[in-house]
C-alpha atoms as a PDB file:
ATOM      1  CA  MET A   1       7.688   2.591 -29.210  1.00  0.00           C
ATOM      2  CA  GLY A   2       4.886   4.654 -27.469  1.00  0.00           C
ATOM      3  CA  GLN A   3       3.610   4.194 -24.011  1.00  0.00           C
ATOM      4  CA  GLN A   4       2.606   0.825 -22.654  1.00  0.00           C
ATOM      5  CA  GLU A   5      -0.926  -0.140 -23.623  1.00  0.00           C
ATOM      6  CA  GLN A   6      -3.199   0.244 -20.639  1.00  0.00           C
ATOM      7  CA  GLU A   7      -4.920  -3.029 -19.849  1.00  0.00           C
ATOM      8  CA  ARG A   8      -8.704  -2.693 -19.896  1.00  0.00           C
ATOM      9  CA  ILE A   9     -11.615  -4.774 -18.740  1.00  0.00           C
ATOM     10  CA  ILE A  10     -15.184  -4.436 -19.998  1.00  0.00           C
ATOM     11  CA  ILE A  11     -17.824  -5.199 -17.429  1.00  0.00           C
ATOM     12  CA  PRO A  12     -21.470  -5.300 -18.418  1.00  0.00           C
ATOM     13  CA  ASP A  13     -23.977  -4.170 -15.725  1.00  0.00           C
ATOM     14  CA  GLU A  14     -27.308  -5.748 -15.010  1.00  0.00           C
ATOM     15  CA  ASP A  15     -28.898  -3.819 -17.921  1.00  0.00           C
ATOM     16  CA  GLY A  16     -26.303  -5.202 -20.376  1.00  0.00           C
ATOM     17  CA  THR A  17     -24.547  -1.760 -20.714  1.00  0.00           C
ATOM     18  CA  GLU A  18     -20.860  -2.256 -21.077  1.00  0.00           C
ATOM     19  CA  HIS A  19     -18.555  -0.208 -18.862  1.00  0.00           C
ATOM     20  CA  VAL A  20     -14.803  -0.001 -19.660  1.00  0.00           C
ATOM     21  CA  PHE A  21     -12.282   0.085 -16.798  1.00  0.00           C
ATOM     22  CA  ASN A  22      -8.530   0.637 -16.756  1.00  0.00           C
ATOM     23  CA  VAL A  23      -6.666  -2.048 -14.807  1.00  0.00           C
ATOM     24  CA  LEU A  24      -4.796  -0.048 -12.132  1.00  0.00           C
ATOM     25  CA  TYR A  25      -3.158  -2.977 -10.432  1.00  0.00           C
ATOM     26  CA  LYS A  26      -3.407  -6.735  -9.941  1.00  0.00           C
ATOM     27  CA  PHE A  27      -2.242  -8.183  -6.665  1.00  0.00           C
ATOM     28  CA  ASP A  28      -2.319 -11.417  -4.735  1.00  0.00           C
ATOM     29  CA  VAL A  29      -3.258 -11.645  -1.101  1.00  0.00           C
ATOM     30  CA  GLU A  30      -1.815 -14.560   0.859  1.00  0.00           C
ATOM     31  CA  ASP A  31      -4.321 -14.375   3.638  1.00  0.00           C
ATOM     32  CA  THR A  32      -7.187 -15.026   1.225  1.00  0.00           C
ATOM     33  CA  ASP A  33      -5.132 -17.102  -1.242  1.00  0.00           C
ATOM     34  CA  ALA A  34      -6.716 -15.084  -4.056  1.00  0.00           C
ATOM     35  CA  THR A  35      -5.859 -12.581  -6.835  1.00  0.00           C
ATOM     36  CA  TYR A  36      -7.520  -9.230  -7.017  1.00  0.00           C
ATOM     37  CA  VAL A  37      -7.751  -6.495  -9.575  1.00  0.00           C
ATOM     38  CA  ALA A  38      -8.163  -2.716  -8.830  1.00  0.00           C
ATOM     39  CA  LEU A  39      -9.973  -0.852 -11.601  1.00  0.00           C
ATOM     40  CA  ILE A  40     -10.986   2.721 -12.376  1.00  0.00           C
ATOM     41  CA  PRO A  41     -13.610   3.680 -14.956  1.00  0.00           C
ATOM     42  CA  VAL A  42     -12.046   4.926 -18.153  1.00  0.00           C
ATOM     43  CA  GLU A  43     -14.305   8.005 -18.101  1.00  0.00           C
ATOM     44  CA  GLN A  44     -12.699   9.051 -14.837  1.00  0.00           C
ATOM     45  CA  GLU A  45      -9.054   8.596 -15.827  1.00  0.00           C
ATOM     46  CA  GLU A  46      -8.468  12.298 -16.253  1.00  0.00           C
ATOM     47  CA  SER A  47     -10.577  13.433 -13.260  1.00  0.00           C
ATOM     48  CA  GLU A  48      -9.288  14.338  -9.787  1.00  0.00           C
ATOM     49  CA  GLN A  49     -11.792  11.998  -8.033  1.00  0.00           C
ATOM     50  CA  GLN A  50     -11.651   8.433  -9.200  1.00  0.00           C
ATOM     51  CA  ASP A  51     -13.834   5.589  -8.021  1.00  0.00           C
ATOM     52  CA  LEU A  52     -11.733   2.523  -7.294  1.00  0.00           C
ATOM     53  CA  TYR A  53     -13.361  -0.825  -7.878  1.00  0.00           C
ATOM     54  CA  VAL A  54     -11.772  -4.028  -6.583  1.00  0.00           C
ATOM     55  CA  PHE A  55     -12.835  -7.522  -7.700  1.00  0.00           C
ATOM     56  CA  ARG A  56     -11.525 -10.970  -6.898  1.00  0.00           C
ATOM     57  CA  ILE A  57     -10.468 -12.586 -10.139  1.00  0.00           C
ATOM     58  CA  GLU A  58     -10.116 -16.174 -11.261  1.00  0.00           C
ATOM     59  CA  GLU A  59      -8.408 -16.865 -14.542  1.00  0.00           C
ATOM     60  CA  GLU A  60     -10.123 -19.337 -16.776  1.00  0.00           C
ATOM     61  CA  GLU A  61      -8.526 -21.290 -19.573  1.00  0.00           C
ATOM     62  CA  GLY A  62      -7.319 -19.035 -22.322  1.00  0.00           C
ATOM     63  CA  ASP A  63      -7.343 -15.384 -21.408  1.00  0.00           C
ATOM     64  CA  ASP A  64     -10.783 -15.272 -19.835  1.00  0.00           C
ATOM     65  CA  LEU A  65     -11.185 -13.728 -16.424  1.00  0.00           C
ATOM     66  CA  ARG A  66     -14.055 -14.200 -13.987  1.00  0.00           C
ATOM     67  CA  LEU A  67     -14.745 -11.306 -11.695  1.00  0.00           C
ATOM     68  CA  PHE A  68     -16.350 -11.701  -8.309  1.00  0.00           C
ATOM     69  CA  GLN A  69     -17.691  -8.944  -6.073  1.00  0.00           C
ATOM     70  CA  ILE A  70     -16.269  -8.903  -2.598  1.00  0.00           C
ATOM     71  CA  GLU A  71     -19.020  -9.253  -0.056  1.00  0.00           C
ATOM     72  CA  ASP A  72     -17.097 -10.517   2.947  1.00  0.00           C
ATOM     73  CA  ASP A  73     -16.187  -7.768   5.444  1.00  0.00           C
ATOM     74  CA  THR A  74     -13.024  -9.531   6.629  1.00  0.00           C
ATOM     75  CA  GLU A  75     -11.863  -9.920   3.034  1.00  0.00           C
ATOM     76  CA  TRP A  76     -12.545  -6.245   2.387  1.00  0.00           C
ATOM     77  CA  GLU A  77     -10.481  -5.159   5.399  1.00  0.00           C
ATOM     78  CA  ILE A  78      -7.520  -7.282   4.089  1.00  0.00           C
ATOM     79  CA  ILE A  79      -7.855  -5.707   0.623  1.00  0.00           C
ATOM     80  CA  GLU A  80      -8.073  -2.191   1.986  1.00  0.00           C
ATOM     81  CA  GLU A  81      -4.919  -2.734   4.113  1.00  0.00           C
ATOM     82  CA  THR A  82      -3.152  -4.182   1.028  1.00  0.00           C
ATOM     83  CA  ILE A  83      -4.130  -1.204  -1.193  1.00  0.00           C
ATOM     84  CA  ALA A  84      -3.058   1.273   1.515  1.00  0.00           C
ATOM     85  CA  THR A  85       0.300  -0.401   1.630  1.00  0.00           C
ATOM     86  CA  LEU A  86       0.645  -0.384  -2.143  1.00  0.00           C
ATOM     87  CA  GLN A  87      -0.214   3.370  -2.213  1.00  0.00           C
ATOM     88  CA  GLU A  88       2.326   4.088   0.591  1.00  0.00           C
ATOM     89  CA  ASP A  89       4.951   2.280  -1.348  1.00  0.00           C
ATOM     90  CA  GLY A  90       4.088   4.312  -4.457  1.00  0.00           C
ATOM     91  CA  ILE A  91       3.126   1.173  -6.398  1.00  0.00           C
ATOM     92  CA  ILE A  92      -0.358   2.477  -7.235  1.00  0.00           C
END
């Protein structure tokens, strides 16, 4: 069988350049009643220092996802706590 295929998301930036990210983890947060996805850039997957990107996601019909940047400080704090817990539990 081979290893499980890493789920990837392609995000174009404002210049239209496409960036490929590995999906590290998807998680739901009850306090915000939303689903989030934690991503790392594919080009950093082998490096010691990895930038973690987190977006709120909404699933559209079919397999389409809409990504939203998180701009609310309270929402960020909840997400950071959730990620810290996931890391402590060894989930990510």
